[in-house]
C-alpha atoms as a PDB file:
ATOM      1  CA  UNK A   1      50.454 -15.086 -23.002  1.00  0.00           C
ATOM      2  CA  UNK A   2      52.784 -15.058 -25.970  1.00  0.00           C
ATOM      3  CA  UNK A   3      55.503 -12.415 -25.640  1.00  0.00           C
ATOM      4  CA  UNK A   4      53.134 -10.106 -23.810  1.00  0.00           C
ATOM      5  CA  UNK A   5      50.143 -10.731 -26.075  1.00  0.00           C
ATOM      6  CA  UNK A   6      46.901 -12.299 -24.852  1.00  0.00           C
ATOM      7  CA  UNK A   7      46.007 -15.146 -27.212  1.00  0.00           C
ATOM      8  CA  UNK A   8      42.498 -16.421 -27.891  1.00  0.00           C
ATOM      9  CA  UNK A   9      41.624 -19.691 -29.606  1.00  0.00           C
ATOM     10  CA  UNK A  10      38.462 -19.277 -31.673  1.00  0.00           C
ATOM     11  CA  UNK A  11      36.758 -22.637 -32.282  1.00  0.00           C
ATOM     12  CA  UNK A  12      33.666 -22.939 -34.509  1.00  0.00           C
ATOM     13  CA  UNK A  13      32.002 -26.314 -34.010  1.00  0.00           C
ATOM     14  CA  UNK A  14      29.128 -28.080 -35.720  1.00  0.00           C
ATOM     15  CA  UNK A  15      28.458 -31.766 -35.040  1.00  0.00           C
ATOM     16  CA  UNK A  16      31.904 -32.256 -33.502  1.00  0.00           C
ATOM     17  CA  UNK A  17      31.047 -34.324 -30.425  1.00  0.00           C
ATOM     18  CA  UNK A  18      33.758 -36.838 -31.357  1.00  0.00           C
ATOM     19  CA  UNK A  19      36.541 -34.237 -31.660  1.00  0.00           C
ATOM     20  CA  UNK A  20      35.807 -31.093 -29.676  1.00  0.00           C
ATOM     21  CA  UNK A  21      37.104 -32.320 -26.295  1.00  0.00           C
ATOM     22  CA  UNK A  22      40.486 -33.173 -27.839  1.00  0.00           C
ATOM     23  CA  UNK A  23      40.653 -29.763 -29.506  1.00  0.00           C
ATOM     24  CA  UNK A  24      40.114 -28.035 -26.162  1.00  0.00           C
ATOM     25  CA  UNK A  25      42.380 -30.262 -24.072  1.00  0.00           C
ATOM     26  CA  UNK A  26      45.321 -30.001 -26.488  1.00  0.00           C
ATOM     27  CA  UNK A  27      45.393 -26.204 -26.532  1.00  0.00           C
ATOM     28  CA  UNK A  28      48.928 -25.107 -25.563  1.00  0.00           C
ATOM     29  CA  UNK A  29      49.636 -23.055 -22.464  1.00  0.00           C
ATOM     30  CA  UNK A  30      50.283 -19.894 -24.502  1.00  0.00           C
ATOM     31  CA  UNK A  31      46.537 -19.769 -25.249  1.00  0.00           C
ATOM     32  CA  UNK A  32      44.852 -17.611 -22.607  1.00  0.00           C
ATOM     33  CA  UNK A  33      41.252 -17.776 -23.825  1.00  0.00           C
ATOM     34  CA  UNK A  34      39.322 -20.558 -25.579  1.00  0.00           C
ATOM     35  CA  UNK A  35      35.999 -19.662 -27.182  1.00  0.00           C
ATOM     36  CA  UNK A  36      33.999 -22.597 -28.553  1.00  0.00           C
ATOM     37  CA  UNK A  37      30.869 -21.692 -30.494  1.00  0.00           C
ATOM     38  CA  UNK A  38      28.498 -24.607 -30.984  1.00  0.00           C
ATOM     39  CA  UNK A  39      26.596 -23.649 -34.125  1.00  0.00           C
ATOM     40  CA  UNK A  40      23.293 -25.277 -33.110  1.00  0.00           C
ATOM     41  CA  UNK A  41      24.640 -28.817 -33.371  1.00  0.00           C
ATOM     42  CA  UNK A  42      22.046 -31.616 -33.162  1.00  0.00           C
ATOM     43  CA  UNK A  43      24.505 -33.778 -31.220  1.00  0.00           C
ATOM     44  CA  UNK A  44      26.383 -33.423 -27.913  1.00  0.00           C
ATOM     45  CA  UNK A  45      29.067 -31.014 -29.139  1.00  0.00           C
ATOM     46  CA  UNK A  46      28.155 -28.414 -26.509  1.00  0.00           C
ATOM     47  CA  UNK A  47      28.205 -30.938 -23.645  1.00  0.00           C
ATOM     48  CA  UNK A  48      31.524 -32.504 -24.700  1.00  0.00           C
ATOM     49  CA  UNK A  49      33.141 -29.050 -24.773  1.00  0.00           C
ATOM     50  CA  UNK A  50      31.780 -28.004 -21.372  1.00  0.00           C
ATOM     51  CA  UNK A  51      32.828 -31.308 -19.813  1.00  0.00           C
ATOM     52  CA  UNK A  52      36.509 -30.518 -20.413  1.00  0.00           C
ATOM     53  CA  UNK A  53      36.305 -28.031 -17.497  1.00  0.00           C
ATOM     54  CA  UNK A  54      39.181 -26.001 -18.898  1.00  0.00           C
ATOM     55  CA  UNK A  55      39.375 -22.766 -16.858  1.00  0.00           C
ATOM     56  CA  UNK A  56      40.200 -20.796 -20.017  1.00  0.00           C
ATOM     57  CA  UNK A  57      37.047 -21.967 -21.772  1.00  0.00           C
ATOM     58  CA  UNK A  58      33.853 -20.156 -22.715  1.00  0.00           C
ATOM     59  CA  UNK A  59      31.240 -22.164 -24.633  1.00  0.00           C
ATOM     60  CA  UNK A  60      28.532 -20.349 -26.577  1.00  0.00           C
ATOM     61  CA  UNK A  61      25.632 -22.103 -28.280  1.00  0.00           C
ATOM     62  CA  UNK A  62      23.837 -20.595 -31.263  1.00  0.00           C
ATOM     63  CA  UNK A  63      20.101 -21.175 -31.077  1.00  0.00           C
ATOM     64  CA  UNK A  64      20.002 -21.117 -34.895  1.00  0.00           C
ATOM     65  CA  UNK A  65      22.663 -22.411 -37.265  1.00  0.00           C
ATOM     66  CA  UNK A  66      24.624 -19.473 -38.704  1.00  0.00           C
ATOM     67  CA  UNK A  67      27.348 -21.256 -40.653  1.00  0.00           C
ATOM     68  CA  UNK A  68      31.054 -21.462 -39.913  1.00  0.00           C
ATOM     69  CA  UNK A  69      31.562 -17.744 -40.511  1.00  0.00           C
ATOM     70  CA  UNK A  70      28.799 -16.831 -38.128  1.00  0.00           C
ATOM     71  CA  UNK A  71      30.330 -19.058 -35.444  1.00  0.00           C
ATOM     72  CA  UNK A  72      33.795 -17.592 -35.993  1.00  0.00           C
ATOM     73  CA  UNK A  73      32.585 -13.999 -35.819  1.00  0.00           C
ATOM     74  CA  UNK A  74      30.605 -14.727 -32.636  1.00  0.00           C
ATOM     75  CA  UNK A  75      33.783 -16.150 -31.128  1.00  0.00           C
ATOM     76  CA  UNK A  76      35.859 -13.176 -32.281  1.00  0.00           C
ATOM     77  CA  UNK A  77      33.411 -10.791 -30.630  1.00  0.00           C
ATOM     78  CA  UNK A  78      33.581 -12.696 -27.342  1.00  0.00           C
ATOM     79  CA  UNK A  79      37.375 -12.970 -27.458  1.00  0.00           C
ATOM     80  CA  UNK A  80      37.630  -9.219 -27.966  1.00  0.00           C
ATOM     81  CA  UNK A  81      35.257  -8.675 -25.045  1.00  0.00           C
ATOM     82  CA  UNK A  82      37.631 -10.770 -22.905  1.00  0.00           C
ATOM     83  CA  UNK A  83      40.611  -8.656 -23.941  1.00  0.00           C
ATOM     84  CA  UNK A  84      42.379 -10.850 -26.492  1.00  0.00           C
ATOM     85  CA  UNK A  85      45.195  -9.274 -28.505  1.00  0.00           C
ATOM     86  CA  UNK A  86      45.352 -11.973 -31.208  1.00  0.00           C
ATOM     87  CA  UNK A  87      42.650 -14.454 -32.219  1.00  0.00           C
ATOM     88  CA  UNK A  88      43.587 -17.788 -33.777  1.00  0.00           C
ATOM     89  CA  UNK A  89      40.972 -19.961 -35.476  1.00  0.00           C
ATOM     90  CA  UNK A  90      41.061 -23.690 -34.714  1.00  0.00           C
ATOM     91  CA  UNK A  91      38.659 -26.070 -36.454  1.00  0.00           C
ATOM     92  CA  UNK A  92      36.379 -28.085 -34.200  1.00  0.00           C
ATOM     93  CA  UNK A  93      37.489 -31.330 -35.867  1.00  0.00           C
ATOM     94  CA  UNK A  94      41.136 -31.036 -34.834  1.00  0.00           C
ATOM     95  CA  UNK A  95      42.670 -30.290 -38.251  1.00  0.00           C
ATOM     96  CA  UNK A  96      44.824 -27.460 -36.907  1.00  0.00           C
ATOM     97  CA  UNK A  97      48.059 -28.593 -35.260  1.00  0.00           C
ATOM     98  CA  UNK A  98      48.682 -26.351 -32.214  1.00  0.00           C
ATOM     99  CA  UNK A  99      52.421 -27.003 -32.495  1.00  0.00           C
ATOM    100  CA  UNK A 100      52.504 -24.453 -35.334  1.00  0.00           C
ATOM    101  CA  UNK A 101      50.759 -21.710 -33.367  1.00  0.00           C
ATOM    102  CA  UNK A 102      53.963 -19.672 -32.771  1.00  0.00           C
ATOM    103  CA  UNK A 103      54.619 -19.629 -36.529  1.00  0.00           C
ATOM    104  CA  UNK A 104      51.269 -17.894 -37.052  1.00  0.00           C
ATOM    105  CA  UNK A 105      51.805 -15.489 -34.162  1.00  0.00           C
ATOM    106  CA  UNK A 106      55.363 -14.330 -34.854  1.00  0.00           C
ATOM    107  CA  UNK A 107      54.652 -12.207 -37.977  1.00  0.00           C
ATOM    108  CA  UNK A 108      51.943 -10.355 -36.040  1.00  0.00           C
ATOM    109  CA  UNK A 109      53.959  -9.977 -32.845  1.00  0.00           C
ATOM    110  CA  UNK A 110      57.311  -9.086 -34.436  1.00  0.00           C
ATOM    111  CA  UNK A 111      56.672  -7.762 -37.941  1.00  0.00           C
ATOM    112  CA  UNK A 112      53.476  -5.747 -37.725  1.00  0.00           C
ATOM    113  CA  UNK A 113      51.214  -8.007 -39.786  1.00  0.00           C
ATOM    114  CA  UNK A 114      47.501  -7.907 -39.043  1.00  0.00           C
ATOM    115  CA  UNK A 115      46.629 -11.321 -40.425  1.00  0.00           C
ATOM    116  CA  UNK A 116      48.436 -14.606 -40.994  1.00  0.00           C
ATOM    117  CA  UNK A 117      47.197 -17.794 -42.588  1.00  0.00           C
ATOM    118  CA  UNK A 118      48.483 -21.331 -42.924  1.00  0.00           C
ATOM    119  CA  UNK A 119      49.471 -22.404 -46.423  1.00  0.00           C
ATOM    120  CA  UNK A 120      49.510 -26.139 -47.136  1.00  0.00           C
ATOM    121  CA  UNK A 121      50.953 -25.706 -50.646  1.00  0.00           C
ATOM    122  CA  UNK A 122      54.457 -24.583 -49.751  1.00  0.00           C
ATOM    123  CA  UNK A 123      56.602 -27.241 -51.454  1.00  0.00           C
ATOM    124  CA  UNK A 124      56.579 -29.894 -54.176  1.00  0.00           C
ATOM    125  CA  UNK A 125      55.584 -32.498 -51.580  1.00  0.00           C
ATOM    126  CA  UNK A 126      52.717 -30.523 -50.083  1.00  0.00           C
ATOM    127  CA  UNK A 127      50.044 -32.472 -51.947  1.00  0.00           C
ATOM    128  CA  UNK A 128      51.038 -35.825 -50.485  1.00  0.00           C
ATOM    129  CA  UNK A 129      48.189 -37.329 -48.504  1.00  0.00           C
ATOM    130  CA  UNK A 130      45.652 -34.818 -49.840  1.00  0.00           C
ATOM    131  CA  UNK A 131      42.681 -36.330 -51.717  1.00  0.00           C
ATOM    132  CA  UNK A 132      42.758 -35.461 -55.427  1.00  0.00           C
ATOM    133  CA  UNK A 133      39.426 -33.642 -55.338  1.00  0.00           C
ATOM    134  CA  UNK A 134      40.785 -31.371 -52.599  1.00  0.00           C
ATOM    135  CA  UNK A 135      43.911 -30.605 -54.588  1.00  0.00           C
ATOM    136  CA  UNK A 136      41.843 -29.552 -57.588  1.00  0.00           C
ATOM    137  CA  UNK A 137      39.266 -27.601 -55.583  1.00  0.00           C
ATOM    138  CA  UNK A 138      41.806 -25.707 -53.515  1.00  0.00           C
ATOM    139  CA  UNK A 139      43.970 -24.735 -56.502  1.00  0.00           C
ATOM    140  CA  UNK A 140      40.970 -23.392 -58.430  1.00  0.00           C
ATOM    141  CA  UNK A 141      39.672 -21.500 -55.416  1.00  0.00           C
ATOM    142  CA  UNK A 142      43.109 -20.120 -54.606  1.00  0.00           C
ATOM    143  CA  UNK A 143      43.492 -18.414 -57.971  1.00  0.00           C
ATOM    144  CA  UNK A 144      39.912 -17.151 -57.982  1.00  0.00           C
ATOM    145  CA  UNK A 145      40.397 -15.698 -54.526  1.00  0.00           C
ATOM    146  CA  UNK A 146      43.641 -13.987 -55.511  1.00  0.00           C
ATOM    147  CA  UNK A 147      41.731 -12.120 -58.199  1.00  0.00           C
ATOM    148  CA  UNK A 148      38.771 -11.273 -55.986  1.00  0.00           C
ATOM    149  CA  UNK A 149      40.532 -10.349 -52.745  1.00  0.00           C
ATOM    150  CA  UNK A 150      43.560  -8.532 -54.135  1.00  0.00           C
ATOM    151  CA  UNK A 151      45.930 -10.540 -51.920  1.00  0.00           C
ATOM    152  CA  UNK A 152      48.147 -11.889 -54.695  1.00  0.00           C
ATOM    153  CA  UNK A 153      50.760 -13.005 -52.157  1.00  0.00           C
ATOM    154  CA  UNK A 154      48.363 -15.451 -50.477  1.00  0.00           C
ATOM    155  CA  UNK A 155      47.527 -18.990 -51.511  1.00  0.00           C
ATOM    156  CA  UNK A 156      45.260 -21.711 -50.095  1.00  0.00           C
ATOM    157  CA  UNK A 157      42.450 -19.316 -49.067  1.00  0.00           C
ATOM    158  CA  UNK A 158      40.193 -22.116 -47.835  1.00  0.00           C
ATOM    159  CA  UNK A 159      42.685 -22.948 -45.112  1.00  0.00           C
ATOM    160  CA  UNK A 160      40.950 -21.809 -41.944  1.00  0.00           C
ATOM    161  CA  UNK A 161      44.014 -21.891 -39.665  1.00  0.00           C
ATOM    162  CA  UNK A 162      44.411 -18.129 -39.284  1.00  0.00           C
ATOM    163  CA  UNK A 163      45.481 -15.479 -36.791  1.00  0.00           C
ATOM    164  CA  UNK A 164      44.116 -11.945 -36.703  1.00  0.00           C
ATOM    165  CA  UNK A 165      45.230  -9.035 -34.570  1.00  0.00           C
ATOM    166  CA  UNK A 166      42.803  -7.145 -32.395  1.00  0.00           C
ATOM    167  CA  UNK A 167      43.653  -3.947 -34.275  1.00  0.00           C
ATOM    168  CA  UNK A 168      42.516  -5.529 -37.544  1.00  0.00           C
ATOM    169  CA  UNK A 169      39.356  -6.995 -36.019  1.00  0.00           C
ATOM    170  CA  UNK A 170      38.385  -3.652 -34.509  1.00  0.00           C
ATOM    171  CA  UNK A 171      38.329  -2.108 -37.985  1.00  0.00           C
ATOM    172  CA  UNK A 172      36.010  -4.739 -39.481  1.00  0.00           C
ATOM    173  CA  UNK A 173      32.242  -4.401 -39.757  1.00  0.00           C
ATOM    174  CA  UNK A 174      31.259  -7.856 -38.496  1.00  0.00           C
ATOM    175  CA  UNK A 175      27.713  -7.556 -39.835  1.00  0.00           C
ATOM    176  CA  UNK A 176      28.927  -7.199 -43.437  1.00  0.00           C
ATOM    177  CA  UNK A 177      31.027 -10.367 -43.510  1.00  0.00           C
ATOM    178  CA  UNK A 178      29.501 -13.488 -45.107  1.00  0.00           C
ATOM    179  CA  UNK A 179      28.699 -16.241 -42.637  1.00  0.00           C
ATOM    180  CA  UNK A 180      28.602 -19.467 -44.598  1.00  0.00           C
ATOM    181  CA  UNK A 181      30.835 -21.280 -47.121  1.00  0.00           C
ATOM    182  CA  UNK A 182      32.087 -18.043 -48.641  1.00  0.00           C
ATOM    183  CA  UNK A 183      33.313 -16.730 -45.272  1.00  0.00           C
ATOM    184  CA  UNK A 184      37.082 -17.235 -45.766  1.00  0.00           C
ATOM    185  CA  UNK A 185      37.028 -15.434 -49.116  1.00  0.00           C
ATOM    186  CA  UNK A 186      34.851 -12.596 -47.882  1.00  0.00           C
ATOM    187  CA  UNK A 187      36.926 -12.112 -44.727  1.00  0.00           C
ATOM    188  CA  UNK A 188      40.063 -11.720 -46.863  1.00  0.00           C
ATOM    189  CA  UNK A 189      38.380  -9.205 -49.142  1.00  0.00           C
ATOM    190  CA  UNK A 190      37.303  -7.058 -46.202  1.00  0.00           C
ATOM    191  CA  UNK A 191      40.821  -7.147 -44.760  1.00  0.00           C
ATOM    192  CA  UNK A 192      42.294  -6.085 -48.089  1.00  0.00           C
ATOM    193  CA  UNK A 193      39.859  -3.180 -48.397  1.00  0.00           C
ATOM    194  CA  UNK A 194      41.258  -1.982 -45.062  1.00  0.00           C
ATOM    195  CA  UNK A 195      44.839  -2.498 -46.342  1.00  0.00           C
ATOM    196  CA  UNK A 196      45.610  -4.978 -43.556  1.00  0.00           C
ATOM    197  CA  UNK A 197      49.028  -6.580 -44.059  1.00  0.00           C
ATOM    198  CA  UNK A 198      48.631 -10.333 -44.549  1.00  0.00           C
ATOM    199  CA  UNK A 199      51.108 -13.183 -44.796  1.00  0.00           C
ATOM    200  CA  UNK A 200      51.104 -16.891 -45.603  1.00  0.00           C
ATOM    201  CA  UNK A 201      52.844 -19.257 -43.186  1.00  0.00           C
ATOM    202  CA  UNK A 202      53.972 -22.716 -44.404  1.00  0.00           C
ATOM    203  CA  UNK A 203      52.132 -25.282 -42.278  1.00  0.00           C
ATOM    204  CA  UNK A 204      51.451 -28.901 -43.318  1.00  0.00           C
ATOM    205  CA  UNK A 205      47.897 -30.183 -43.509  1.00  0.00           C
ATOM    206  CA  UNK A 206      46.335 -32.694 -41.119  1.00  0.00           C
ATOM    207  CA  UNK A 207      43.741 -35.041 -42.603  1.00  0.00           C
ATOM    208  CA  UNK A 208      41.587 -37.243 -40.435  1.00  0.00           C
ATOM    209  CA  UNK A 209      38.028 -38.516 -40.827  1.00  0.00           C
ATOM    210  CA  UNK A 210      36.472 -35.099 -41.352  1.00  0.00           C
ATOM    211  CA  UNK A 211      34.296 -34.499 -44.404  1.00  0.00           C
ATOM    212  CA  UNK A 212      35.262 -31.774 -46.855  1.00  0.00           C
ATOM    213  CA  UNK A 213      32.711 -28.973 -47.261  1.00  0.00           C
ATOM    214  CA  UNK A 214      34.273 -27.405 -50.354  1.00  0.00           C
ATOM    215  CA  UNK A 215      31.555 -26.465 -52.844  1.00  0.00           C
ATOM    216  CA  UNK A 216      32.980 -24.760 -55.902  1.00  0.00           C
ATOM    217  CA  UNK A 217      29.582 -23.539 -57.030  1.00  0.00           C
ATOM    218  CA  UNK A 218      28.990 -21.602 -53.843  1.00  0.00           C
ATOM    219  CA  UNK A 219      32.547 -20.314 -53.368  1.00  0.00           C
ATOM    220  CA  UNK A 220      33.373 -18.824 -56.748  1.00  0.00           C
ATOM    221  CA  UNK A 221      33.515 -15.022 -56.239  1.00  0.00           C
ATOM    222  CA  UNK A 222      30.813 -13.128 -58.076  1.00  0.00           C
END
């Protein structure tokens, strides 16, 4: 619990056998529910997650690959079924630092926001350590998404470290949200249509040995 709110960690995972156990075992105590969705991985992602034996954990395996958005929405649905008040998305490769979880939760818990999102570009030093191609791709996508989603106050839309209130999730039509690379952009657009209050939270990036999946050609809003 976090100040009376039941917190769910939503973890989409595809080919993350090397990372998923660490993601699960480093979840802080304020997380009440952990939902890992193995998106039909061809490796041992599912087994490595189950083997953690965390009592908070539910592991779901997609029989067909649905993309990161499909895995996230499956996890959201299960978290809601288990009574979560706020869902927080954690990548299966360990990019999201759980130490910053309260920073994402506080605007929802205290200030009535329905959605919060990490923003890596919060100071003049924010680009340090980020590969140049990621800097370029994320800046282009950020401005395109501002125009498409209507959330002019948000930046870094491809940052998947997000928190969403149950009230906001209950208003969404899950079946209408894109499931693959365009998921983050489409999710924001649906929230804005519903006039859900959203806020950026300054959180530094973590870069390990994961491979970027940014594809400008598939993410540019139509």
